[in-house]
Amino acid sequence: MKQLRIMLPNVAEAKNFVAAAAKCDFDIDVYYNRVTIDAKSILGVLSLDLTQVLTVEFNGEDAEFEAFLAAKAPGKCSAA
């Protein structure tokens, strides 16, 4: 089980995150406080507080998805 912390500072980044997650053939969850959301659900992800750090948890391996997550780590997000 891998866990990474990310920030999705705006709706466009959230859409890109969901699109990247949808390409993976394994389950991906996003956690904030006590809420667990399916990362492949745009409505679920948009219902989260995007001003906060989110935790992404998954079991599979996908280098492209993991690189995307690494770029969204807190402190590494570019201002758009």
C-alpha atoms as a PDB file:
ATOM      1  CA  MET A   1       0.000   0.000   0.000  1.00  0.00           C
ATOM      2  CA  LYS A   2       1.462   3.332  -1.073  1.00  0.00           C
ATOM      3  CA  GLN A   3       0.454   6.643   0.439  1.00  0.00           C
ATOM      4  CA  LEU A   4       1.380  10.041  -0.946  1.00  0.00           C
ATOM      5  CA  ARG A   5       0.299  13.525   0.075  1.00  0.00           C
ATOM      6  CA  ILE A   6      -0.729  15.937  -2.665  1.00  0.00           C
ATOM      7  CA  MET A   7      -2.317  19.328  -3.210  1.00  0.00           C
ATOM      8  CA  LEU A   8      -4.831  20.067  -5.934  1.00  0.00           C
ATOM      9  CA  PRO A   9      -5.050  23.865  -5.749  1.00  0.00           C
ATOM     10  CA  ASN A  10      -7.734  24.362  -8.385  1.00  0.00           C
ATOM     11  CA  VAL A  11     -10.473  22.607 -10.355  1.00  0.00           C
ATOM     12  CA  ALA A  12      -8.260  22.124 -13.424  1.00  0.00           C
ATOM     13  CA  GLU A  13      -5.677  20.235 -11.351  1.00  0.00           C
ATOM     14  CA  ALA A  14      -8.444  18.123  -9.812  1.00  0.00           C
ATOM     15  CA  LYS A  15      -9.688  17.208 -13.313  1.00  0.00           C
ATOM     16  CA  ASN A  16      -6.140  16.280 -14.374  1.00  0.00           C
ATOM     17  CA  PHE A  17      -5.779  14.127 -11.247  1.00  0.00           C
ATOM     18  CA  VAL A  18      -9.022  12.241 -11.924  1.00  0.00           C
ATOM     19  CA  ALA A  19      -8.024  11.722 -15.573  1.00  0.00           C
ATOM     20  CA  ALA A  20      -4.634  10.308 -14.500  1.00  0.00           C
ATOM     21  CA  ALA A  21      -6.283   8.052 -11.907  1.00  0.00           C
ATOM     22  CA  ALA A  22      -8.834   6.785 -14.446  1.00  0.00           C
ATOM     23  CA  LYS A  23      -5.995   5.414 -16.616  1.00  0.00           C
ATOM     24  CA  CYS A  24      -4.895   3.078 -13.801  1.00  0.00           C
ATOM     25  CA  ASP A  25      -6.325  -0.437 -13.499  1.00  0.00           C
ATOM     26  CA  PHE A  26      -6.228  -0.510  -9.682  1.00  0.00           C
ATOM     27  CA  ASP A  27      -8.214   1.185  -6.928  1.00  0.00           C
ATOM     28  CA  ILE A  28      -7.103   4.624  -5.782  1.00  0.00           C
ATOM     29  CA  ASP A  29      -8.559   6.406  -2.770  1.00  0.00           C
ATOM     30  CA  VAL A  30      -8.225   9.995  -1.609  1.00  0.00           C
ATOM     31  CA  TYR A  31      -8.481  10.823   2.090  1.00  0.00           C
ATOM     32  CA  TYR A  32      -9.104  14.091   3.867  1.00  0.00           C
ATOM     33  CA  ASN A  33     -10.059  14.120   7.551  1.00  0.00           C
ATOM     34  CA  ARG A  34     -12.386  11.134   7.914  1.00  0.00           C
ATOM     35  CA  VAL A  35     -13.677  11.202   4.349  1.00  0.00           C
ATOM     36  CA  THR A  36     -12.616   8.583   1.791  1.00  0.00           C
ATOM     37  CA  ILE A  37     -13.278   9.280  -1.895  1.00  0.00           C
ATOM     38  CA  ASP A  38     -12.726   7.179  -5.016  1.00  0.00           C
ATOM     39  CA  ALA A  39     -10.017   9.060  -6.937  1.00  0.00           C
ATOM     40  CA  LYS A  40     -11.681   8.179 -10.246  1.00  0.00           C
ATOM     41  CA  SER A  41     -14.813  10.149  -9.288  1.00  0.00           C
ATOM     42  CA  ILE A  42     -14.692  13.778 -10.420  1.00  0.00           C
ATOM     43  CA  LEU A  43     -17.682  14.692  -8.247  1.00  0.00           C
ATOM     44  CA  GLY A  44     -16.102  13.015  -5.245  1.00  0.00           C
ATOM     45  CA  VAL A  45     -12.765  14.760  -5.694  1.00  0.00           C
ATOM     46  CA  LEU A  46     -14.412  18.142  -6.254  1.00  0.00           C
ATOM     47  CA  SER A  47     -16.408  17.658  -3.039  1.00  0.00           C
ATOM     48  CA  LEU A  48     -13.147  17.698  -1.045  1.00  0.00           C
ATOM     49  CA  ASP A  49     -11.580  20.858   0.364  1.00  0.00           C
ATOM     50  CA  LEU A  50      -9.012  21.577  -2.369  1.00  0.00           C
ATOM     51  CA  THR A  51      -7.220  24.093  -0.168  1.00  0.00           C
ATOM     52  CA  GLN A  52      -5.961  21.260   2.063  1.00  0.00           C
ATOM     53  CA  VAL A  53      -3.331  18.538   1.688  1.00  0.00           C
ATOM     54  CA  LEU A  54      -4.949  15.275   0.539  1.00  0.00           C
ATOM     55  CA  THR A  55      -3.664  11.735   1.063  1.00  0.00           C
ATOM     56  CA  VAL A  56      -3.725   9.369  -1.925  1.00  0.00           C
ATOM     57  CA  GLU A  57      -3.572   5.630  -1.238  1.00  0.00           C
ATOM     58  CA  PHE A  58      -3.194   2.857  -3.808  1.00  0.00           C
ATOM     59  CA  ASN A  59      -1.837  -0.688  -4.230  1.00  0.00           C
ATOM     60  CA  GLY A  60      -0.869  -0.857  -7.897  1.00  0.00           C
ATOM     61  CA  GLU A  61       2.099   0.393  -9.862  1.00  0.00           C
ATOM     62  CA  ASP A  62       1.966   2.961 -12.645  1.00  0.00           C
ATOM     63  CA  ALA A  63       5.074   5.083 -13.222  1.00  0.00           C
ATOM     64  CA  GLU A  64       3.183   7.827 -15.068  1.00  0.00           C
ATOM     65  CA  PHE A  65       0.601   8.179 -12.282  1.00  0.00           C
ATOM     66  CA  GLU A  66       3.269   8.167  -9.569  1.00  0.00           C
ATOM     67  CA  ALA A  67       5.213  10.872 -11.438  1.00  0.00           C
ATOM     68  CA  PHE A  68       2.013  12.928 -11.641  1.00  0.00           C
ATOM     69  CA  LEU A  69       1.525  12.556  -7.877  1.00  0.00           C
ATOM     70  CA  ALA A  70       5.142  13.497  -7.168  1.00  0.00           C
ATOM     71  CA  ALA A  71       4.630  16.741  -9.099  1.00  0.00           C
ATOM     72  CA  LYS A  72       1.581  17.519  -6.916  1.00  0.00           C
ATOM     73  CA  ALA A  73       3.393  17.085  -3.589  1.00  0.00           C
ATOM     74  CA  PRO A  74       2.853  19.998  -1.181  1.00  0.00           C
ATOM     75  CA  GLY A  75       5.363  22.735  -1.938  1.00  0.00           C
ATOM     76  CA  LYS A  76       5.963  21.544  -5.514  1.00  0.00           C
ATOM     77  CA  CYS A  77       2.709  22.751  -7.084  1.00  0.00           C
ATOM     78  CA  SER A  78       3.079  25.486  -9.631  1.00  0.00           C
ATOM     79  CA  ALA A  79       0.830  28.504  -9.450  1.00  0.00           C
ATOM     80  CA  ALA A  80      -1.493  28.441 -12.419  1.00  0.00           C
END
